Amino acid sequence: MKILAIDFGLKRMGFAIGNTLLGTATPLDTFERKNSRQAVDHIKNLVSEYDISLVLLGYPLHMDGTKSHFTEQVEHFKNRLKKAFTPGVEVDLADERLSSFEAEEELKSFQPDYRKRKKILDSMSAMVFLRRYMENIET
């Protein structure tokens, strides 16, 4: 199964693609978002291009598991995506706690310049929570 992970943001969105058969997760380009319609269209193009079966949105929770101020916006966007896809494409949420921190730590090892890391951080964060998700469905 191919999975598209999305680190949702109001200005930028990070994307990663995973393949459960191969056990791989790879970051894609970060997307500068102008509005929801444009974001949905971009996601639909990625789903078509990569033959995606599952779109996975990062779910922003506090460390204690309670919802954050941003959770409602992600839930709303999830519902919008569900309406945009045919029944063959599932849309789900994945816990993204600490994914940005883990991604930042990974990036530091090969990119010392923070400005350059910042450009790919959202996609790396999507890759981190996608890997976690794939590890949990394989066990």
C-alpha atoms as a PDB file:
ATOM      1  CA  MET A   1       0.000   0.000   0.000  1.00  0.00           C
ATOM      2  CA  LYS A   2       1.224   3.514  -0.789  1.00  0.00           C
ATOM      3  CA  ILE A   3       0.656   6.241   1.797  1.00  0.00           C
ATOM      4  CA  LEU A   4       0.881  10.013   1.480  1.00  0.00           C
ATOM      5  CA  ALA A   5       1.687  11.699   4.804  1.00  0.00           C
ATOM      6  CA  ILE A   6       0.919  15.377   5.253  1.00  0.00           C
ATOM      7  CA  ASP A   7       2.336  17.707   7.884  1.00  0.00           C
ATOM      8  CA  PHE A   8      -0.537  20.183   7.698  1.00  0.00           C
ATOM      9  CA  GLY A   9       0.042  23.910   8.058  1.00  0.00           C
ATOM     10  CA  LEU A  10      -1.770  27.083   7.145  1.00  0.00           C
ATOM     11  CA  LYS A  11       1.262  28.484   5.291  1.00  0.00           C
ATOM     12  CA  ARG A  12       3.303  25.394   4.424  1.00  0.00           C
ATOM     13  CA  MET A  13       2.568  21.722   4.115  1.00  0.00           C
ATOM     14  CA  GLY A  14       5.144  18.972   4.205  1.00  0.00           C
ATOM     15  CA  PHE A  15       4.663  15.705   2.321  1.00  0.00           C
ATOM     16  CA  ALA A  16       6.198  12.260   2.509  1.00  0.00           C
ATOM     17  CA  ILE A  17       5.384   9.081   0.642  1.00  0.00           C
ATOM     18  CA  GLY A  18       5.542   5.601   2.091  1.00  0.00           C
ATOM     19  CA  ASN A  19       5.309   2.103   0.692  1.00  0.00           C
ATOM     20  CA  THR A  20       4.276  -0.574   3.182  1.00  0.00           C
ATOM     21  CA  LEU A  21       5.428  -3.383   0.893  1.00  0.00           C
ATOM     22  CA  LEU A  22       8.969  -1.995   0.732  1.00  0.00           C
ATOM     23  CA  GLY A  23       8.907  -0.475   4.218  1.00  0.00           C
ATOM     24  CA  THR A  24      10.157   2.873   2.916  1.00  0.00           C
ATOM     25  CA  ALA A  25       9.281   6.479   3.730  1.00  0.00           C
ATOM     26  CA  THR A  26      10.670   9.364   1.695  1.00  0.00           C
ATOM     27  CA  PRO A  27      10.130  13.113   2.089  1.00  0.00           C
ATOM     28  CA  LEU A  28       8.738  15.040  -0.875  1.00  0.00           C
ATOM     29  CA  ASP A  29       8.875  18.782  -1.499  1.00  0.00           C
ATOM     30  CA  THR A  30       7.330  21.236   0.922  1.00  0.00           C
ATOM     31  CA  PHE A  31       4.312  23.041  -0.495  1.00  0.00           C
ATOM     32  CA  GLU A  32       3.622  26.749   0.013  1.00  0.00           C
ATOM     33  CA  ARG A  33      -0.087  26.904   0.628  1.00  0.00           C
ATOM     34  CA  LYS A  34      -2.294  29.809  -0.453  1.00  0.00           C
ATOM     35  CA  ASN A  35      -5.754  28.424   0.350  1.00  0.00           C
ATOM     36  CA  SER A  36      -7.566  25.162   1.048  1.00  0.00           C
ATOM     37  CA  ARG A  37      -8.765  24.621  -2.509  1.00  0.00           C
ATOM     38  CA  GLN A  38      -5.239  24.911  -3.892  1.00  0.00           C
ATOM     39  CA  ALA A  39      -3.955  22.547  -1.171  1.00  0.00           C
ATOM     40  CA  VAL A  40      -6.644  19.948  -1.925  1.00  0.00           C
ATOM     41  CA  ASP A  41      -5.875  20.154  -5.658  1.00  0.00           C
ATOM     42  CA  HIS A  42      -2.160  19.640  -4.976  1.00  0.00           C
ATOM     43  CA  ILE A  43      -2.916  16.629  -2.767  1.00  0.00           C
ATOM     44  CA  LYS A  44      -5.242  15.161  -5.407  1.00  0.00           C
ATOM     45  CA  ASN A  45      -2.418  15.451  -7.953  1.00  0.00           C
ATOM     46  CA  LEU A  46       0.003  13.671  -5.615  1.00  0.00           C
ATOM     47  CA  VAL A  47      -2.532  10.922  -4.922  1.00  0.00           C
ATOM     48  CA  SER A  48      -2.964  10.366  -8.638  1.00  0.00           C
ATOM     49  CA  GLU A  49       0.746  10.602  -9.483  1.00  0.00           C
ATOM     50  CA  TYR A  50       1.877   8.144  -6.786  1.00  0.00           C
ATOM     51  CA  ASP A  51      -1.189   5.845  -6.828  1.00  0.00           C
ATOM     52  CA  ILE A  52      -1.932   6.522  -3.153  1.00  0.00           C
ATOM     53  CA  SER A  53      -4.371   4.358  -1.164  1.00  0.00           C
ATOM     54  CA  LEU A  54      -4.146   6.231   2.158  1.00  0.00           C
ATOM     55  CA  VAL A  55      -3.717   9.931   2.919  1.00  0.00           C
ATOM     56  CA  LEU A  56      -2.404  10.390   6.441  1.00  0.00           C
ATOM     57  CA  LEU A  57      -2.716  13.785   8.126  1.00  0.00           C
ATOM     58  CA  GLY A  58      -0.512  14.611  11.081  1.00  0.00           C
ATOM     59  CA  TYR A  59      -2.718  15.001  14.148  1.00  0.00           C
ATOM     60  CA  PRO A  60      -1.446  17.696  16.542  1.00  0.00           C
ATOM     61  CA  LEU A  61      -1.932  16.549  20.117  1.00  0.00           C
ATOM     62  CA  HIS A  62      -0.404  17.808  23.346  1.00  0.00           C
ATOM     63  CA  MET A  63       2.086  15.533  25.066  1.00  0.00           C
ATOM     64  CA  ASP A  64      -0.645  14.336  27.454  1.00  0.00           C
ATOM     65  CA  GLY A  65      -2.799  13.274  24.479  1.00  0.00           C
ATOM     66  CA  THR A  66      -5.295  16.128  24.676  1.00  0.00           C
ATOM     67  CA  LYS A  67      -6.226  18.141  21.606  1.00  0.00           C
ATOM     68  CA  SER A  68      -4.245  21.239  20.705  1.00  0.00           C
ATOM     69  CA  HIS A  69      -5.567  24.576  19.434  1.00  0.00           C
ATOM     70  CA  PHE A  70      -4.779  23.421  15.889  1.00  0.00           C
ATOM     71  CA  THR A  71      -6.536  20.029  16.119  1.00  0.00           C
ATOM     72  CA  GLU A  72      -9.924  21.339  14.992  1.00  0.00           C
ATOM     73  CA  GLN A  73      -8.435  22.819  11.803  1.00  0.00           C
ATOM     74  CA  VAL A  74      -6.786  19.491  10.960  1.00  0.00           C
ATOM     75  CA  GLU A  75     -10.079  17.648  11.582  1.00  0.00           C
ATOM     76  CA  HIS A  76     -11.883  20.099   9.300  1.00  0.00           C
ATOM     77  CA  PHE A  77      -9.269  19.631   6.559  1.00  0.00           C
ATOM     78  CA  LYS A  78      -9.526  15.840   6.938  1.00  0.00           C
ATOM     79  CA  ASN A  79     -13.278  16.042   6.289  1.00  0.00           C
ATOM     80  CA  ARG A  80     -12.665  18.221   3.260  1.00  0.00           C
ATOM     81  CA  LEU A  81     -10.182  15.694   1.875  1.00  0.00           C
ATOM     82  CA  LYS A  82     -12.563  12.788   2.485  1.00  0.00           C
ATOM     83  CA  LYS A  83     -15.155  14.534   0.313  1.00  0.00           C
ATOM     84  CA  ALA A  84     -12.562  15.145  -2.430  1.00  0.00           C
ATOM     85  CA  PHE A  85     -11.587  11.499  -2.917  1.00  0.00           C
ATOM     86  CA  THR A  86     -13.278   8.442  -4.321  1.00  0.00           C
ATOM     87  CA  PRO A  87     -14.006   5.532  -1.979  1.00  0.00           C
ATOM     88  CA  GLY A  88     -10.701   3.908  -3.041  1.00  0.00           C
ATOM     89  CA  VAL A  89      -8.656   6.537  -1.162  1.00  0.00           C
ATOM     90  CA  GLU A  90      -8.847   6.512   2.616  1.00  0.00           C
ATOM     91  CA  VAL A  91      -8.066   9.593   4.757  1.00  0.00           C
ATOM     92  CA  ASP A  92      -6.882   9.112   8.332  1.00  0.00           C
ATOM     93  CA  LEU A  93      -5.053  10.875  11.163  1.00  0.00           C
ATOM     94  CA  ALA A  94      -1.691   9.980  12.703  1.00  0.00           C
ATOM     95  CA  ASP A  95      -0.217  11.192  15.973  1.00  0.00           C
ATOM     96  CA  GLU A  96       2.515  13.673  15.077  1.00  0.00           C
ATOM     97  CA  ARG A  97       3.810  14.394  18.579  1.00  0.00           C
ATOM     98  CA  LEU A  98       7.552  15.122  18.578  1.00  0.00           C
ATOM     99  CA  SER A  99       7.835  14.551  14.822  1.00  0.00           C
ATOM    100  CA  SER A 100       9.213  18.061  14.213  1.00  0.00           C
ATOM    101  CA  PHE A 101      11.748  17.608  16.994  1.00  0.00           C
ATOM    102  CA  GLU A 102      12.874  14.220  15.643  1.00  0.00           C
ATOM    103  CA  ALA A 103      13.047  15.597  12.101  1.00  0.00           C
ATOM    104  CA  GLU A 104      15.126  18.563  13.263  1.00  0.00           C
ATOM    105  CA  GLU A 105      17.550  16.229  15.030  1.00  0.00           C
ATOM    106  CA  GLU A 106      17.906  14.062  11.906  1.00  0.00           C
ATOM    107  CA  LEU A 107      18.466  17.100   9.705  1.00  0.00           C
ATOM    108  CA  LYS A 108      21.160  18.534  11.989  1.00  0.00           C
ATOM    109  CA  SER A 109      23.368  15.555  11.236  1.00  0.00           C
ATOM    110  CA  PHE A 110      23.713  16.465   7.564  1.00  0.00           C
ATOM    111  CA  GLN A 111      22.625  20.111   7.258  1.00  0.00           C
ATOM    112  CA  PRO A 112      24.201  22.523   9.772  1.00  0.00           C
ATOM    113  CA  ASP A 113      22.507  25.640   8.325  1.00  0.00           C
ATOM    114  CA  TYR A 114      19.149  26.206  10.083  1.00  0.00           C
ATOM    115  CA  ARG A 115      17.714  28.228   7.166  1.00  0.00           C
ATOM    116  CA  LYS A 116      18.274  25.311   4.794  1.00  0.00           C
ATOM    117  CA  ARG A 117      16.872  22.820   7.331  1.00  0.00           C
ATOM    118  CA  LYS A 118      13.759  24.953   7.780  1.00  0.00           C
ATOM    119  CA  LYS A 119      12.891  24.574   4.075  1.00  0.00           C
ATOM    120  CA  ILE A 120      12.566  20.796   4.354  1.00  0.00           C
ATOM    121  CA  LEU A 121      11.575  20.401   8.005  1.00  0.00           C
ATOM    122  CA  ASP A 122       7.835  19.990   7.318  1.00  0.00           C
ATOM    123  CA  SER A 123       8.394  17.167   4.831  1.00  0.00           C
ATOM    124  CA  MET A 124      10.880  15.482   7.154  1.00  0.00           C
ATOM    125  CA  SER A 125       8.314  15.728   9.964  1.00  0.00           C
ATOM    126  CA  ALA A 126       5.753  14.032   7.720  1.00  0.00           C
ATOM    127  CA  MET A 127       8.282  11.291   7.028  1.00  0.00           C
ATOM    128  CA  VAL A 128       8.889  10.785  10.771  1.00  0.00           C
ATOM    129  CA  PHE A 129       5.237  10.249  11.691  1.00  0.00           C
ATOM    130  CA  LEU A 130       4.717   8.172   8.536  1.00  0.00           C
ATOM    131  CA  ARG A 131       7.544   5.825   9.589  1.00  0.00           C
ATOM    132  CA  ARG A 132       5.986   5.494  13.044  1.00  0.00           C
ATOM    133  CA  TYR A 133       2.608   4.741  11.527  1.00  0.00           C
ATOM    134  CA  MET A 134       4.054   2.100   9.199  1.00  0.00           C
ATOM    135  CA  GLU A 135       5.964   0.444  12.071  1.00  0.00           C
ATOM    136  CA  ASN A 136       2.719   0.151  14.041  1.00  0.00           C
ATOM    137  CA  ILE A 137       0.674  -1.380  11.225  1.00  0.00           C
ATOM    138  CA  GLU A 138       3.363  -3.968  10.497  1.00  0.00           C
ATOM    139  CA  THR A 139       3.394  -5.323  14.040  1.00  0.00           C
END
